[in-house]
Amino acid sequence: KHKRAIKTNMPKPLCGLLRCGSCNMMITGENQVKRQKNGNIHHYVYYHCTKKRKNASRCPEPHIRQELLDGQLSDLLNKYALPDSWVLTLNKLLADDEQKAEQSTGVFITAAQERIGNLQGKLQRLLDSYLDQDIEREIYLQKKAELMSEKKSLEEQNSKLTLANNAWVEPMRKWIKRANSICNITVSDDLLAKKSLCLEIFGSNLFLKNKKAQPTAAPNA
């Protein structure tokens, strides 16, 4: 006996990305086969509303070919792409800003360290005066608290500046690289990469209405 062929319809790469602009249901994809009289067979992938909302009338939204949807998504992504010429300019500006930030931060840290050293000296002299009984205990404690407070404040600022120095540079570099990579992805046939980018940029706010992908649902006519 011959085994009966089981018809399968594997999940399509852009499934789970868009919602229907009319009824807010998810957009799904399916294979369609067109057989011509001359014997040629063409395979297509169409995306359409799942139409699974209970107690709802038939969804009026038409289906859309995968190639057309692919092009629309690429157009949307290209609005966030960074061309190579911009990358060179931005990286140069970033390097200049990084150098200036390091210089200005370095000046403050050096000055703060000198001040901390001076305060440490004052604290030692204050302690010596107290031990020699040149000043009263109350005055000693008051002056010590003032000097310790200033010293602690400077040390905290120093620590924050050291940790935060150019902390913004690396995330900026990553953003430039990521935005530039969009250019390569949009001209490729990698639908999963485009889906991943769309989810990253638009989240769940991508809709399909009147055979057009858009970041927000258009109002019903």
N, C-alpha and C. Protein backbone atom coordinates (compact mmCIF):
# COMPACT_ATOMS: atom_id res chain seq x y z
N LYS A 1 0.83 -1.20 0.00
CA LYS A 1 0.00 0.00 0.00
C LYS A 1 0.87 1.25 0.00
N HIS A 2 0.38 2.23 -0.73
CA HIS A 2 1.10 3.51 -0.78
C HIS A 2 0.67 4.38 0.40
N LYS A 3 1.66 4.99 1.02
CA LYS A 3 1.34 5.90 2.11
C LYS A 3 0.70 7.16 1.57
N ARG A 4 -0.31 7.56 2.25
CA ARG A 4 -1.02 8.76 1.82
C ARG A 4 -0.19 10.00 2.11
N ALA A 5 -0.04 10.84 1.10
CA ALA A 5 0.76 12.07 1.27
C ALA A 5 0.04 13.02 2.21
N ILE A 6 0.80 13.54 3.15
CA ILE A 6 0.23 14.49 4.11
C ILE A 6 0.59 15.90 3.70
N LYS A 7 -0.40 16.71 3.48
CA LYS A 7 -0.17 18.08 3.07
C LYS A 7 0.28 18.92 4.26
N THR A 8 1.41 19.53 4.10
CA THR A 8 1.94 20.36 5.19
C THR A 8 2.07 21.80 4.73
N ASN A 9 1.95 22.70 5.65
CA ASN A 9 2.10 24.12 5.35
C ASN A 9 2.95 24.73 6.45
N MET A 10 4.26 24.66 6.27
CA MET A 10 5.19 25.10 7.30
C MET A 10 5.00 26.59 7.59
N PRO A 11 5.24 27.01 8.84
CA PRO A 11 5.12 28.44 9.18
C PRO A 11 6.00 29.29 8.28
N LYS A 12 5.47 30.38 7.83
CA LYS A 12 6.20 31.27 6.92
C LYS A 12 7.03 32.27 7.74
N PRO A 13 8.15 32.74 7.17
CA PRO A 13 9.09 33.57 7.94
C PRO A 13 8.51 34.85 8.51
N LEU A 14 7.49 35.41 7.87
CA LEU A 14 6.95 36.69 8.35
C LEU A 14 5.71 36.52 9.23
N CYS A 15 5.35 35.27 9.54
CA CYS A 15 4.21 35.04 10.43
C CYS A 15 4.54 35.55 11.83
N GLY A 16 3.53 36.08 12.51
CA GLY A 16 3.75 36.58 13.87
C GLY A 16 4.32 37.98 13.91
N LEU A 17 4.46 38.62 12.76
CA LEU A 17 5.05 39.97 12.72
C LEU A 17 3.98 41.05 12.66
N LEU A 18 2.96 40.84 11.85
CA LEU A 18 1.95 41.89 11.63
C LEU A 18 0.58 41.49 12.16
N ARG A 19 -0.22 42.52 12.39
CA ARG A 19 -1.62 42.33 12.74
C ARG A 19 -2.49 42.93 11.65
N CYS A 20 -3.71 42.44 11.57
CA CYS A 20 -4.65 42.95 10.59
C CYS A 20 -5.08 44.37 10.98
N GLY A 21 -5.05 45.29 10.02
CA GLY A 21 -5.42 46.67 10.29
C GLY A 21 -6.91 46.86 10.49
N SER A 22 -7.71 45.87 10.14
CA SER A 22 -9.16 45.99 10.30
C SER A 22 -9.69 45.32 11.57
N CYS A 23 -9.23 44.08 11.82
CA CYS A 23 -9.79 43.36 12.97
C CYS A 23 -8.75 43.02 14.04
N ASN A 24 -7.52 43.42 13.83
CA ASN A 24 -6.45 43.27 14.83
C ASN A 24 -6.01 41.82 15.06
N MET A 25 -6.44 40.90 14.20
CA MET A 25 -5.98 39.51 14.29
C MET A 25 -4.60 39.40 13.65
N MET A 26 -3.88 38.32 13.98
CA MET A 26 -2.55 38.13 13.43
C MET A 26 -2.61 37.81 11.94
N ILE A 27 -1.55 38.20 11.25
CA ILE A 27 -1.42 37.89 9.82
C ILE A 27 -0.65 36.58 9.69
N THR A 28 -1.17 35.67 8.88
CA THR A 28 -0.51 34.39 8.66
C THR A 28 -0.16 34.23 7.18
N GLY A 29 0.60 33.21 6.86
CA GLY A 29 1.00 33.00 5.48
C GLY A 29 0.72 31.57 5.04
N GLU A 30 0.52 31.38 3.75
CA GLU A 30 0.28 30.04 3.24
C GLU A 30 0.76 29.93 1.79
N ASN A 31 1.03 28.68 1.40
CA ASN A 31 1.47 28.41 0.03
C ASN A 31 0.28 28.35 -0.91
N GLN A 32 0.51 28.83 -2.12
CA GLN A 32 -0.49 28.70 -3.17
C GLN A 32 0.23 28.22 -4.43
N VAL A 33 -0.38 27.28 -5.13
CA VAL A 33 0.21 26.73 -6.35
C VAL A 33 -0.67 27.10 -7.53
N LYS A 34 -0.04 27.64 -8.57
CA LYS A 34 -0.78 28.01 -9.79
C LYS A 34 -0.27 27.15 -10.94
N ARG A 35 -1.19 26.40 -11.52
CA ARG A 35 -0.84 25.53 -12.65
C ARG A 35 -1.38 26.14 -13.95
N GLN A 36 -0.48 26.35 -14.88
CA GLN A 36 -0.88 26.92 -16.16
C GLN A 36 -1.24 25.81 -17.15
N LYS A 37 -1.97 26.19 -18.20
CA LYS A 37 -2.38 25.22 -19.20
C LYS A 37 -1.20 24.59 -19.93
N ASN A 38 -0.09 25.34 -20.03
CA ASN A 38 1.09 24.81 -20.72
C ASN A 38 1.90 23.86 -19.84
N GLY A 39 1.40 23.62 -18.64
CA GLY A 39 2.08 22.68 -17.77
C GLY A 39 3.00 23.31 -16.74
N ASN A 40 3.25 24.61 -16.86
CA ASN A 40 4.12 25.29 -15.89
C ASN A 40 3.43 25.38 -14.53
N ILE A 41 4.22 25.20 -13.51
CA ILE A 41 3.69 25.28 -12.15
C ILE A 41 4.44 26.39 -11.39
N HIS A 42 3.70 27.29 -10.76
CA HIS A 42 4.29 28.40 -10.02
C HIS A 42 3.87 28.30 -8.55
N HIS A 43 4.84 28.51 -7.67
CA HIS A 43 4.57 28.47 -6.24
C HIS A 43 4.65 29.89 -5.67
N TYR A 44 3.65 30.25 -4.89
CA TYR A 44 3.60 31.58 -4.29
C TYR A 44 3.33 31.46 -2.79
N VAL A 45 3.71 32.50 -2.06
CA VAL A 45 3.36 32.59 -0.64
C VAL A 45 2.54 33.86 -0.46
N TYR A 46 1.36 33.69 0.13
CA TYR A 46 0.47 34.83 0.39
C TYR A 46 0.29 35.00 1.90
N TYR A 47 0.15 36.25 2.31
CA TYR A 47 -0.13 36.57 3.72
C TYR A 47 -1.52 37.18 3.82
N HIS A 48 -2.23 36.79 4.86
CA HIS A 48 -3.60 37.30 5.04
C HIS A 48 -3.99 37.20 6.51
N CYS A 49 -5.09 37.83 6.84
CA CYS A 49 -5.61 37.81 8.21
C CYS A 49 -6.02 36.39 8.60
N THR A 50 -5.77 36.00 9.85
CA THR A 50 -6.16 34.67 10.31
C THR A 50 -7.67 34.54 10.46
N LYS A 51 -8.36 35.68 10.63
CA LYS A 51 -9.83 35.72 10.72
C LYS A 51 -10.35 34.75 11.79
N LYS A 52 -9.66 34.75 12.93
CA LYS A 52 -10.04 33.81 13.99
C LYS A 52 -10.75 34.47 15.16
N ARG A 53 -11.14 35.73 15.00
CA ARG A 53 -11.85 36.38 16.10
C ARG A 53 -13.28 35.84 16.17
N LYS A 54 -13.71 35.48 17.36
CA LYS A 54 -15.05 34.93 17.52
C LYS A 54 -16.12 36.00 17.27
N ASN A 55 -17.25 35.54 16.77
CA ASN A 55 -18.41 36.41 16.54
C ASN A 55 -18.05 37.62 15.68
N ALA A 56 -17.20 37.40 14.69
CA ALA A 56 -16.80 38.51 13.83
C ALA A 56 -17.20 38.21 12.40
N SER A 57 -17.57 39.26 11.68
CA SER A 57 -17.91 39.08 10.28
C SER A 57 -16.64 38.85 9.47
N ARG A 58 -16.77 38.41 8.28
CA ARG A 58 -15.62 38.11 7.44
C ARG A 58 -14.73 39.34 7.29
N CYS A 59 -13.42 39.13 7.49
CA CYS A 59 -12.47 40.26 7.41
C CYS A 59 -12.38 40.75 5.97
N PRO A 60 -12.46 42.06 5.76
CA PRO A 60 -12.45 42.61 4.40
C PRO A 60 -11.04 42.76 3.81
N GLU A 61 -10.01 42.53 4.61
CA GLU A 61 -8.65 42.78 4.12
C GLU A 61 -8.22 41.71 3.10
N PRO A 62 -7.68 42.13 1.96
CA PRO A 62 -7.22 41.16 0.94
C PRO A 62 -5.87 40.57 1.31
N HIS A 63 -5.51 39.47 0.63
CA HIS A 63 -4.19 38.88 0.87
C HIS A 63 -3.13 39.66 0.09
N ILE A 64 -1.86 39.39 0.41
CA ILE A 64 -0.75 40.09 -0.23
C ILE A 64 0.36 39.09 -0.52
N ARG A 65 0.97 39.21 -1.68
CA ARG A 65 2.07 38.33 -2.04
C ARG A 65 3.29 38.62 -1.17
N GLN A 66 4.06 37.56 -0.86
CA GLN A 66 5.23 37.70 -0.01
C GLN A 66 6.24 38.68 -0.58
N GLU A 67 6.43 38.67 -1.91
CA GLU A 67 7.41 39.57 -2.53
C GLU A 67 7.04 41.03 -2.32
N LEU A 68 5.75 41.33 -2.41
CA LEU A 68 5.30 42.71 -2.21
C LEU A 68 5.46 43.13 -0.75
N LEU A 69 5.09 42.24 0.16
CA LEU A 69 5.24 42.54 1.59
C LEU A 69 6.70 42.71 1.96
N ASP A 70 7.55 41.87 1.40
CA ASP A 70 8.99 41.95 1.62
C ASP A 70 9.52 43.33 1.23
N GLY A 71 9.10 43.81 0.06
CA GLY A 71 9.54 45.12 -0.40
C GLY A 71 9.07 46.25 0.50
N GLN A 72 7.84 46.14 1.00
CA GLN A 72 7.30 47.18 1.88
C GLN A 72 8.05 47.22 3.21
N LEU A 73 8.36 46.05 3.75
CA LEU A 73 9.11 46.00 5.00
C LEU A 73 10.51 46.57 4.83
N SER A 74 11.13 46.28 3.69
CA SER A 74 12.46 46.82 3.41
C SER A 74 12.41 48.35 3.34
N ASP A 75 11.34 48.88 2.72
CA ASP A 75 11.19 50.34 2.64
C ASP A 75 11.04 50.95 4.03
N LEU A 76 10.29 50.30 4.88
CA LEU A 76 10.11 50.80 6.25
C LEU A 76 11.43 50.77 7.02
N LEU A 77 12.18 49.70 6.87
CA LEU A 77 13.46 49.55 7.58
C LEU A 77 14.50 50.54 7.07
N ASN A 78 14.46 50.82 5.77
CA ASN A 78 15.45 51.74 5.19
C ASN A 78 15.37 53.15 5.78
N LYS A 79 14.22 53.49 6.36
CA LYS A 79 14.09 54.80 7.01
C LYS A 79 14.97 54.90 8.26
N TYR A 80 15.39 53.74 8.78
CA TYR A 80 16.23 53.71 9.98
C TYR A 80 17.66 53.30 9.65
N ALA A 81 17.94 53.11 8.37
CA ALA A 81 19.27 52.65 7.96
C ALA A 81 20.26 53.81 7.92
N LEU A 82 21.52 53.49 8.14
CA LEU A 82 22.60 54.48 8.14
C LEU A 82 23.57 54.14 7.02
N PRO A 83 23.65 54.98 5.97
CA PRO A 83 24.55 54.68 4.85
C PRO A 83 26.02 54.74 5.26
N ASP A 84 26.88 54.09 4.47
CA ASP A 84 28.31 54.03 4.77
C ASP A 84 28.92 55.42 4.91
N SER A 85 28.51 56.36 4.07
CA SER A 85 29.09 57.71 4.11
C SER A 85 28.81 58.39 5.44
N TRP A 86 27.63 58.15 6.00
CA TRP A 86 27.28 58.73 7.30
C TRP A 86 28.07 58.07 8.42
N VAL A 87 28.31 56.77 8.26
CA VAL A 87 29.04 56.01 9.30
C VAL A 87 30.43 56.60 9.50
N LEU A 88 31.13 56.89 8.41
CA LEU A 88 32.48 57.45 8.49
C LEU A 88 32.47 58.78 9.23
N THR A 89 31.49 59.64 8.88
CA THR A 89 31.39 60.96 9.52
C THR A 89 31.06 60.84 11.00
N LEU A 90 30.08 60.00 11.32
CA LEU A 90 29.66 59.86 12.72
C LEU A 90 30.76 59.24 13.59
N ASN A 91 31.48 58.26 13.04
CA ASN A 91 32.57 57.66 13.81
C ASN A 91 33.69 58.65 14.08
N LYS A 92 33.94 59.55 13.13
CA LYS A 92 34.96 60.59 13.33
C LYS A 92 34.52 61.57 14.42
N LEU A 93 33.25 62.00 14.35
CA LEU A 93 32.72 62.90 15.37
C LEU A 93 32.73 62.23 16.75
N LEU A 94 32.42 60.95 16.77
CA LEU A 94 32.41 60.20 18.02
C LEU A 94 33.80 60.13 18.63
N ALA A 95 34.79 59.90 17.78
CA ALA A 95 36.18 59.82 18.26
C ALA A 95 36.63 61.18 18.83
N ASP A 96 36.23 62.27 18.15
CA ASP A 96 36.58 63.62 18.62
C ASP A 96 35.94 63.90 19.97
N ASP A 97 34.64 63.57 20.09
CA ASP A 97 33.92 63.79 21.35
C ASP A 97 34.51 62.94 22.48
N GLU A 98 34.91 61.71 22.14
CA GLU A 98 35.50 60.82 23.13
C GLU A 98 36.80 61.41 23.68
N GLN A 99 37.61 61.97 22.78
CA GLN A 99 38.89 62.56 23.19
C GLN A 99 38.68 63.79 24.07
N LYS A 100 37.72 64.64 23.67
CA LYS A 100 37.43 65.85 24.45
C LYS A 100 36.89 65.48 25.83
N ALA A 101 36.03 64.46 25.88
CA ALA A 101 35.45 64.03 27.16
C ALA A 101 36.54 63.49 28.09
N GLU A 102 37.46 62.73 27.52
CA GLU A 102 38.56 62.19 28.32
C GLU A 102 39.44 63.30 28.89
N GLN A 103 39.67 64.33 28.06
CA GLN A 103 40.51 65.44 28.51
C GLN A 103 39.84 66.22 29.63
N SER A 104 38.57 66.58 29.44
CA SER A 104 37.87 67.37 30.46
C SER A 104 37.68 66.58 31.74
N THR A 105 37.37 65.29 31.61
CA THR A 105 37.21 64.44 32.79
C THR A 105 38.54 64.27 33.51
N GLY A 106 39.60 64.11 32.73
CA GLY A 106 40.93 63.95 33.32
C GLY A 106 41.34 65.15 34.13
N VAL A 107 41.02 66.35 33.63
CA VAL A 107 41.35 67.59 34.35
C VAL A 107 40.64 67.63 35.69
N PHE A 108 39.33 67.30 35.69
CA PHE A 108 38.56 67.33 36.94
C PHE A 108 39.08 66.29 37.92
N ILE A 109 39.35 65.07 37.44
CA ILE A 109 39.82 64.00 38.32
C ILE A 109 41.16 64.36 38.96
N THR A 110 42.06 64.96 38.16
CA THR A 110 43.37 65.36 38.68
C THR A 110 43.21 66.41 39.77
N ALA A 111 42.35 67.42 39.50
CA ALA A 111 42.12 68.49 40.48
C ALA A 111 41.48 67.93 41.75
N ALA A 112 40.54 66.99 41.57
CA ALA A 112 39.86 66.40 42.72
C ALA A 112 40.82 65.58 43.57
N GLN A 113 41.70 64.86 42.91
CA GLN A 113 42.68 64.06 43.64
C GLN A 113 43.65 64.94 44.45
N GLU A 114 44.01 66.07 43.86
CA GLU A 114 44.87 67.01 44.59
C GLU A 114 44.15 67.56 45.81
N ARG A 115 42.87 67.91 45.63
CA ARG A 115 42.08 68.43 46.73
C ARG A 115 41.91 67.38 47.82
N ILE A 116 41.69 66.12 47.43
CA ILE A 116 41.56 65.03 48.40
C ILE A 116 42.85 64.87 49.20
N GLY A 117 43.98 65.01 48.50
CA GLY A 117 45.28 64.93 49.19
C GLY A 117 45.43 66.05 50.21
N ASN A 118 45.00 67.26 49.83
CA ASN A 118 45.07 68.41 50.75
C ASN A 118 44.18 68.19 51.97
N LEU A 119 42.98 67.65 51.73
CA LEU A 119 42.06 67.39 52.83
C LEU A 119 42.62 66.33 53.78
N GLN A 120 43.27 65.34 53.21
CA GLN A 120 43.87 64.31 54.03
C GLN A 120 44.96 64.90 54.94
N GLY A 121 45.72 65.85 54.36
CA GLY A 121 46.75 66.54 55.15
C GLY A 121 46.14 67.36 56.27
N LYS A 122 45.05 68.05 55.96
CA LYS A 122 44.37 68.85 56.98
C LYS A 122 43.82 67.97 58.10
N LEU A 123 43.28 66.82 57.73
CA LEU A 123 42.75 65.91 58.73
C LEU A 123 43.86 65.43 59.67
N GLN A 124 45.03 65.16 59.10
CA GLN A 124 46.15 64.71 59.92
C GLN A 124 46.62 65.80 60.88
N ARG A 125 46.69 67.04 60.33
CA ARG A 125 47.12 68.16 61.17
C ARG A 125 46.09 68.45 62.26
N LEU A 126 44.83 68.29 61.91
CA LEU A 126 43.76 68.50 62.88
C LEU A 126 43.86 67.47 64.01
N LEU A 127 44.12 66.24 63.64
CA LEU A 127 44.28 65.19 64.63
C LEU A 127 45.49 65.46 65.54
N ASP A 128 46.58 65.89 64.93
CA ASP A 128 47.78 66.21 65.72
C ASP A 128 47.49 67.32 66.72
N SER A 129 46.75 68.36 66.29
CA SER A 129 46.42 69.48 67.18
C SER A 129 45.56 69.01 68.34
N TYR A 130 44.62 68.09 68.01
CA TYR A 130 43.74 67.57 69.07
C TYR A 130 44.54 66.73 70.07
N LEU A 131 45.43 65.88 69.54
CA LEU A 131 46.24 65.04 70.43
C LEU A 131 47.19 65.86 71.29
N ASP A 132 47.64 66.99 70.72
CA ASP A 132 48.53 67.89 71.48
C ASP A 132 47.73 68.80 72.41
N GLN A 133 46.40 68.62 72.40
CA GLN A 133 45.49 69.40 73.24
C GLN A 133 45.53 70.89 72.92
N ASP A 134 45.77 71.20 71.61
CA ASP A 134 45.74 72.60 71.17
C ASP A 134 44.31 73.07 70.88
N ILE A 135 43.40 72.12 70.61
CA ILE A 135 42.00 72.49 70.34
C ILE A 135 41.08 71.62 71.18
N GLU A 136 39.86 72.13 71.43
CA GLU A 136 38.88 71.40 72.22
C GLU A 136 38.29 70.23 71.41
N ARG A 137 37.77 69.26 72.11
CA ARG A 137 37.21 68.07 71.46
C ARG A 137 36.04 68.41 70.53
N GLU A 138 35.14 69.32 70.98
CA GLU A 138 33.98 69.69 70.17
C GLU A 138 34.40 70.34 68.86
N ILE A 139 35.40 71.22 68.93
CA ILE A 139 35.89 71.89 67.72
C ILE A 139 36.54 70.86 66.79
N TYR A 140 37.30 69.96 67.40
CA TYR A 140 37.97 68.91 66.61
C TYR A 140 36.94 68.07 65.85
N LEU A 141 35.89 67.62 66.56
CA LEU A 141 34.87 66.78 65.94
C LEU A 141 34.11 67.53 64.84
N GLN A 142 33.83 68.81 65.07
CA GLN A 142 33.11 69.63 64.09
C GLN A 142 33.94 69.79 62.81
N LYS A 143 35.22 70.17 62.98
CA LYS A 143 36.10 70.38 61.83
C LYS A 143 36.35 69.05 61.09
N LYS A 144 36.50 67.99 61.85
CA LYS A 144 36.72 66.69 61.24
C LYS A 144 35.54 66.28 60.37
N ALA A 145 34.32 66.50 60.89
CA ALA A 145 33.10 66.15 60.15
C ALA A 145 33.02 66.93 58.84
N GLU A 146 33.38 68.23 58.89
CA GLU A 146 33.34 69.07 57.69
C GLU A 146 34.33 68.58 56.64
N LEU A 147 35.57 68.31 57.09
CA LEU A 147 36.60 67.85 56.16
C LEU A 147 36.28 66.47 55.59
N MET A 148 35.77 65.58 56.44
CA MET A 148 35.42 64.23 55.98
C MET A 148 34.27 64.25 54.98
N SER A 149 33.32 65.15 55.19
CA SER A 149 32.18 65.28 54.30
C SER A 149 32.63 65.73 52.91
N GLU A 150 33.51 66.74 52.87
CA GLU A 150 34.02 67.23 51.59
C GLU A 150 34.86 66.15 50.90
N LYS A 151 35.68 65.46 51.67
CA LYS A 151 36.53 64.41 51.12
C LYS A 151 35.69 63.27 50.53
N LYS A 152 34.64 62.86 51.24
CA LYS A 152 33.78 61.79 50.78
C LYS A 152 33.05 62.19 49.49
N SER A 153 32.59 63.45 49.45
CA SER A 153 31.89 63.95 48.27
C SER A 153 32.79 63.91 47.03
N LEU A 154 34.03 64.37 47.20
CA LEU A 154 34.99 64.37 46.08
C LEU A 154 35.32 62.94 45.64
N GLU A 155 35.47 62.05 46.59
CA GLU A 155 35.79 60.66 46.26
C GLU A 155 34.65 59.99 45.50
N GLU A 156 33.40 60.31 45.88
CA GLU A 156 32.25 59.75 45.18
C GLU A 156 32.16 60.28 43.75
N GLN A 157 32.39 61.60 43.58
CA GLN A 157 32.38 62.18 42.24
C GLN A 157 33.48 61.58 41.38
N ASN A 158 34.64 61.40 41.97
CA ASN A 158 35.76 60.80 41.25
C ASN A 158 35.41 59.39 40.78
N SER A 159 34.81 58.62 41.69
CA SER A 159 34.46 57.24 41.37
C SER A 159 33.43 57.19 40.24
N LYS A 160 32.41 58.05 40.31
CA LYS A 160 31.36 58.08 39.29
C LYS A 160 31.93 58.48 37.94
N LEU A 161 32.80 59.49 37.94
CA LEU A 161 33.39 59.94 36.68
C LEU A 161 34.28 58.87 36.06
N THR A 162 35.02 58.18 36.91
CA THR A 162 35.91 57.13 36.41
C THR A 162 35.10 56.00 35.77
N LEU A 163 33.98 55.63 36.41
CA LEU A 163 33.15 54.56 35.88
C LEU A 163 32.36 55.00 34.65
N ALA A 164 31.88 56.25 34.68
CA ALA A 164 31.02 56.73 33.61
C ALA A 164 31.79 57.34 32.45
N ASN A 165 33.10 57.49 32.61
CA ASN A 165 33.90 58.12 31.56
C ASN A 165 33.76 57.35 30.25
N ASN A 166 33.16 58.01 29.28
CA ASN A 166 32.95 57.43 27.94
C ASN A 166 32.03 56.21 27.95
N ALA A 167 31.21 56.08 29.00
CA ALA A 167 30.29 54.95 29.06
C ALA A 167 29.26 55.00 27.92
N TRP A 168 29.04 56.19 27.39
CA TRP A 168 28.07 56.36 26.31
C TRP A 168 28.67 56.04 24.94
N VAL A 169 29.99 55.99 24.87
CA VAL A 169 30.66 55.83 23.57
C VAL A 169 30.39 54.46 22.96
N GLU A 170 30.56 53.40 23.74
CA GLU A 170 30.41 52.06 23.20
C GLU A 170 28.98 51.77 22.74
N PRO A 171 27.94 52.15 23.53
CA PRO A 171 26.57 51.97 23.04
C PRO A 171 26.31 52.74 21.75
N MET A 172 26.92 53.94 21.62
CA MET A 172 26.76 54.73 20.40
C MET A 172 27.41 54.02 19.22
N ARG A 173 28.58 53.47 19.44
CA ARG A 173 29.27 52.74 18.37
C ARG A 173 28.44 51.53 17.91
N LYS A 174 27.84 50.84 18.88
CA LYS A 174 27.02 49.68 18.56
C LYS A 174 25.79 50.09 17.76
N TRP A 175 25.21 51.24 18.15
CA TRP A 175 24.02 51.73 17.42
C TRP A 175 24.38 52.07 15.98
N ILE A 176 25.51 52.73 15.77
CA ILE A 176 25.94 53.09 14.42
C ILE A 176 26.14 51.83 13.58
N LYS A 177 26.78 50.83 14.17
CA LYS A 177 27.03 49.57 13.45
C LYS A 177 25.72 48.87 13.12
N ARG A 178 24.79 48.87 14.09
CA ARG A 178 23.50 48.21 13.89
C ARG A 178 22.69 48.92 12.81
N ALA A 179 22.66 50.25 12.87
CA ALA A 179 21.90 51.02 11.89
C ALA A 179 22.49 50.85 10.49
N ASN A 180 23.80 50.71 10.42
CA ASN A 180 24.47 50.51 9.12
C ASN A 180 24.17 49.12 8.56
N SER A 181 24.02 48.14 9.46
CA SER A 181 23.75 46.77 9.01
C SER A 181 22.38 46.64 8.34
N ILE A 182 21.48 47.58 8.64
CA ILE A 182 20.14 47.55 8.04
C ILE A 182 20.24 47.64 6.53
N CYS A 183 21.21 48.42 6.05
CA CYS A 183 21.39 48.59 4.59
C CYS A 183 21.62 47.25 3.91
N ASN A 184 22.42 46.39 4.52
CA ASN A 184 22.71 45.09 3.93
C ASN A 184 21.53 44.13 4.05
N ILE A 185 20.82 44.22 5.17
CA ILE A 185 19.71 43.30 5.40
C ILE A 185 18.55 43.58 4.45
N THR A 186 18.26 44.86 4.21
CA THR A 186 17.10 45.21 3.39
C THR A 186 17.27 44.82 1.91
N VAL A 187 18.51 44.69 1.46
CA VAL A 187 18.73 44.30 0.06
C VAL A 187 18.92 42.79 -0.07
N SER A 188 18.84 42.07 1.05
CA SER A 188 19.02 40.62 1.03
C SER A 188 17.66 39.93 0.94
N ASP A 189 17.71 38.60 0.82
CA ASP A 189 16.49 37.80 0.81
C ASP A 189 16.23 37.16 2.17
N ASP A 190 16.92 37.62 3.19
CA ASP A 190 16.80 37.04 4.52
C ASP A 190 15.57 37.60 5.23
N LEU A 191 14.45 36.94 5.04
CA LEU A 191 13.19 37.41 5.63
C LEU A 191 13.19 37.32 7.16
N LEU A 192 13.87 36.32 7.70
CA LEU A 192 13.92 36.19 9.16
C LEU A 192 14.70 37.34 9.78
N ALA A 193 15.78 37.77 9.12
CA ALA A 193 16.55 38.91 9.61
C ALA A 193 15.71 40.18 9.55
N LYS A 194 14.93 40.34 8.49
CA LYS A 194 14.07 41.51 8.37
C LYS A 194 12.97 41.49 9.44
N LYS A 195 12.43 40.29 9.69
CA LYS A 195 11.42 40.15 10.74
C LYS A 195 12.00 40.53 12.09
N SER A 196 13.20 40.05 12.39
CA SER A 196 13.85 40.36 13.66
C SER A 196 14.07 41.86 13.82
N LEU A 197 14.50 42.53 12.75
CA LEU A 197 14.71 43.98 12.78
C LEU A 197 13.40 44.72 13.00
N CYS A 198 12.36 44.28 12.31
CA CYS A 198 11.05 44.93 12.44
C CYS A 198 10.52 44.82 13.87
N LEU A 199 10.70 43.64 14.47
CA LEU A 199 10.26 43.46 15.85
C LEU A 199 11.06 44.34 16.79
N GLU A 200 12.35 44.50 16.48
CA GLU A 200 13.22 45.33 17.32
C GLU A 200 12.83 46.81 17.24
N ILE A 201 12.45 47.26 16.04
CA ILE A 201 12.15 48.67 15.82
C ILE A 201 10.68 48.99 16.12
N PHE A 202 9.77 48.16 15.62
CA PHE A 202 8.34 48.47 15.72
C PHE A 202 7.61 47.69 16.81
N GLY A 203 8.26 46.64 17.32
CA GLY A 203 7.59 45.83 18.33
C GLY A 203 6.35 45.15 17.75
N SER A 204 5.24 45.25 18.47
CA SER A 204 3.98 44.65 18.00
C SER A 204 3.08 45.69 17.34
N ASN A 205 3.67 46.79 16.89
CA ASN A 205 2.88 47.89 16.32
C ASN A 205 2.94 47.95 14.80
N LEU A 206 3.09 46.78 14.17
CA LEU A 206 3.13 46.74 12.72
C LEU A 206 1.85 46.10 12.21
N PHE A 207 1.15 46.79 11.30
CA PHE A 207 -0.14 46.34 10.82
C PHE A 207 -0.17 46.23 9.29
N LEU A 208 -1.11 45.42 8.81
CA LEU A 208 -1.31 45.27 7.37
C LEU A 208 -2.73 45.70 7.05
N LYS A 209 -2.84 46.76 6.25
CA LYS A 209 -4.16 47.28 5.88
C LYS A 209 -4.13 47.73 4.44
N ASN A 210 -5.15 47.32 3.70
CA ASN A 210 -5.23 47.65 2.26
C ASN A 210 -3.97 47.22 1.52
N LYS A 211 -3.47 46.04 1.88
CA LYS A 211 -2.27 45.45 1.24
C LYS A 211 -1.04 46.32 1.44
N LYS A 212 -0.99 47.01 2.58
CA LYS A 212 0.16 47.87 2.87
C LYS A 212 0.59 47.70 4.33
N ALA A 213 1.87 47.41 4.51
CA ALA A 213 2.43 47.30 5.87
C ALA A 213 2.71 48.70 6.41
N GLN A 214 2.30 48.95 7.65
CA GLN A 214 2.48 50.27 8.24
C GLN A 214 2.64 50.14 9.77
N PRO A 215 3.37 51.08 10.37
CA PRO A 215 3.64 51.00 11.81
C PRO A 215 2.42 51.15 12.70
N THR A 216 1.37 51.78 12.23
CA THR A 216 0.15 51.93 13.04
C THR A 216 -1.04 51.56 12.22
N ALA A 217 -2.08 51.11 12.88
CA ALA A 217 -3.30 50.70 12.16
C ALA A 217 -4.02 51.93 11.63
N ALA A 218 -4.36 51.91 10.37
CA ALA A 218 -5.10 53.01 9.77
C ALA A 218 -6.56 52.95 10.22
N PRO A 219 -7.19 54.10 10.40
CA PRO A 219 -8.60 54.08 10.79
C PRO A 219 -9.46 53.44 9.72
N ASN A 220 -10.50 52.75 10.17
CA ASN A 220 -11.39 52.12 9.20
C ASN A 220 -12.09 53.17 8.35
N ALA A 221 -12.24 52.83 7.09
CA ALA A 221 -12.90 53.78 6.16
C ALA A 221 -14.38 53.86 6.49
